[in-house]
Amino acid sequence: MSEIKSMTAESVGEVLTEAGAEVMMRSGRTDSYSAPREFSFEVKALFTNGMGLHVVARQFNYRDPWEAKGRVNDMVDVMLTRDGALTTLPKGFKWFQGIEEECNLDEEMFKEVVECVRSVNPKLYLLQEMTGDL
């Protein structure tokens, strides 16, 4: 079985920055259970093509009974935005087909989503609106 790779706000931000996005991030839940936020971290990114991603790690997963070293974020939820509003991708893409959020993505799936969104030509929206496909 492969080792689980934990994601942090910094590692997610680094993937997005390397893909050319402008990135903002913040942490939520800390090591203290009294932290007020319901998420571990969130990262927002905006690509030069106008597409954006809002990445949220909602809670920690626990890999051992005493939380000694097993408290990780190995999956994230990703919402897609265009011009500041939630959106789907045009037909023909693997991700965001008929939905604005992809849930429970591991690091490899997240990298696929980033590459997909980074490479979208926004003119596809106009073309598919004209043809009635969107």
Protein backbone atom coordinates (compact mmCIF):
# COMPACT_ATOMS: atom_id res chain seq x y z
CA MET A 1 0.00 0.00 0.00
CA SER A 2 1.33 3.43 -0.89
CA GLU A 3 2.08 6.00 1.76
CA ILE A 4 -0.62 8.65 2.25
CA LYS A 5 0.59 12.08 1.20
CA SER A 6 -0.66 14.86 3.43
CA MET A 7 -1.63 18.20 1.88
CA THR A 8 -1.15 21.54 3.60
CA ALA A 9 -2.13 25.07 2.65
CA GLU A 10 1.50 25.63 1.68
CA SER A 11 1.78 22.50 -0.51
CA VAL A 12 -1.52 23.26 -2.27
CA GLY A 13 -0.46 26.89 -2.75
CA GLU A 14 2.86 25.75 -4.19
CA VAL A 15 1.15 23.51 -6.78
CA LEU A 16 -1.07 26.41 -7.82
CA THR A 17 1.78 28.94 -7.91
CA GLU A 18 3.88 26.63 -10.07
CA ALA A 19 0.91 26.41 -12.46
CA GLY A 20 0.94 30.20 -12.78
CA ALA A 21 -1.92 31.17 -10.48
CA GLU A 22 -2.14 34.09 -8.11
CA VAL A 23 -2.70 32.47 -4.71
CA MET A 24 -4.11 33.42 -1.30
CA MET A 25 -4.32 31.00 1.63
CA ARG A 26 -5.36 30.80 5.24
CA SER A 27 -5.43 28.15 7.91
CA GLY A 28 -8.52 27.31 9.88
CA ARG A 29 -8.46 24.67 12.54
CA THR A 30 -5.30 24.57 14.58
CA ASP A 31 -3.96 21.97 16.94
CA SER A 32 -6.51 23.20 19.45
CA TYR A 33 -9.98 21.70 19.21
CA SER A 34 -11.50 25.01 20.29
CA ALA A 35 -10.61 26.69 16.99
CA PRO A 36 -13.76 28.28 15.56
CA ARG A 37 -13.43 27.33 11.91
CA GLU A 38 -14.78 24.13 10.39
CA PHE A 39 -11.92 23.67 7.95
CA SER A 40 -8.22 22.93 8.24
CA PHE A 41 -7.25 25.35 5.51
CA GLU A 42 -8.48 27.05 2.37
CA VAL A 43 -6.63 28.30 -0.67
CA LYS A 44 -7.96 30.52 -3.44
CA ALA A 45 -6.28 30.79 -6.81
CA LEU A 46 -6.87 32.84 -9.94
CA PHE A 47 -5.33 31.89 -13.27
CA THR A 48 -4.51 34.28 -16.11
CA ASN A 49 -7.38 32.80 -18.16
CA GLY A 50 -9.86 34.14 -15.57
CA MET A 51 -10.63 30.73 -14.10
CA GLY A 52 -10.34 30.28 -10.35
CA LEU A 53 -10.15 27.49 -7.81
CA HIS A 54 -11.28 27.55 -4.19
CA VAL A 55 -9.65 24.65 -2.36
CA VAL A 56 -10.91 23.63 1.08
CA ALA A 57 -9.63 20.94 3.43
CA ARG A 58 -12.69 20.63 5.60
CA GLN A 59 -11.40 18.42 8.38
CA PHE A 60 -8.53 16.26 9.42
CA ASN A 61 -8.48 12.54 8.75
CA TYR A 62 -7.08 10.41 11.54
CA ARG A 63 -4.76 7.53 10.75
CA ASP A 64 -4.11 6.17 14.23
CA PRO A 65 -6.23 5.94 17.37
CA TRP A 66 -4.26 8.35 19.49
CA GLU A 67 -3.60 11.06 16.89
CA ALA A 68 0.10 10.79 17.57
CA LYS A 69 1.15 11.38 14.00
CA GLY A 70 -1.89 10.39 12.00
CA ARG A 71 -3.69 13.71 11.83
CA VAL A 72 -3.53 14.63 8.14
CA ASN A 73 -5.35 16.30 5.28
CA ASP A 74 -5.01 13.83 2.46
CA MET A 75 -8.12 14.96 0.54
CA VAL A 76 -9.50 18.35 -0.42
CA ASP A 77 -12.64 19.75 -2.03
CA VAL A 78 -12.23 22.08 -4.99
CA MET A 79 -14.77 24.59 -6.33
CA LEU A 80 -14.41 26.12 -9.79
CA THR A 81 -15.08 29.81 -10.43
CA ARG A 82 -15.22 31.98 -13.51
CA ASP A 83 -15.53 35.74 -13.21
CA GLY A 84 -16.07 35.30 -9.46
CA ALA A 85 -19.07 32.94 -9.73
CA LEU A 86 -19.26 29.18 -9.40
CA THR A 87 -19.26 27.43 -12.76
CA THR A 88 -18.86 24.11 -14.52
CA LEU A 89 -16.38 23.39 -17.29
CA PRO A 90 -17.51 23.20 -20.91
CA LYS A 91 -18.20 19.74 -22.31
CA GLY A 92 -15.21 17.58 -23.13
CA PHE A 93 -13.25 17.88 -19.90
CA LYS A 94 -12.76 15.18 -17.28
CA TRP A 95 -13.57 17.44 -14.32
CA PHE A 96 -16.47 19.74 -13.31
CA GLN A 97 -19.00 18.26 -15.71
CA GLY A 98 -22.42 19.42 -14.55
CA ILE A 99 -21.09 20.25 -11.07
CA GLU A 100 -19.17 23.18 -9.61
CA GLU A 101 -17.34 21.20 -6.92
CA GLU A 102 -15.12 18.14 -7.01
CA CYS A 103 -14.90 16.46 -3.61
CA ASN A 104 -12.38 14.19 -1.90
CA LEU A 105 -9.46 14.75 -4.26
CA ASP A 106 -6.07 13.35 -3.33
CA GLU A 107 -2.87 15.11 -4.36
CA GLU A 108 -2.58 13.46 -7.79
CA MET A 109 -6.22 14.19 -8.69
CA PHE A 110 -5.78 17.75 -7.43
CA LYS A 111 -2.78 18.25 -9.73
CA GLU A 112 -4.86 16.95 -12.67
CA VAL A 113 -7.62 19.45 -11.85
CA VAL A 114 -5.12 22.31 -11.64
CA GLU A 115 -3.63 21.45 -15.04
CA CYS A 116 -7.09 21.10 -16.57
CA VAL A 117 -8.35 24.46 -15.28
CA ARG A 118 -5.09 26.24 -16.07
CA SER A 119 -5.32 25.20 -19.71
CA VAL A 120 -9.01 26.07 -20.31
CA ASN A 121 -9.60 28.58 -23.08
CA PRO A 122 -12.50 30.75 -21.80
CA LYS A 123 -13.70 31.23 -25.38
CA LEU A 124 -15.02 27.65 -25.17
CA TYR A 125 -17.82 28.96 -22.96
CA LEU A 126 -18.91 31.42 -25.62
CA LEU A 127 -18.67 28.79 -28.36
CA GLN A 128 -20.71 26.23 -26.42
CA GLU A 129 -23.27 28.90 -25.47
CA MET A 130 -23.67 29.74 -29.17
CA THR A 131 -24.09 26.09 -30.15
CA GLY A 132 -26.49 25.40 -27.28
CA ASP A 133 -24.18 22.87 -25.62
CA LEU A 134 -23.77 24.89 -22.43
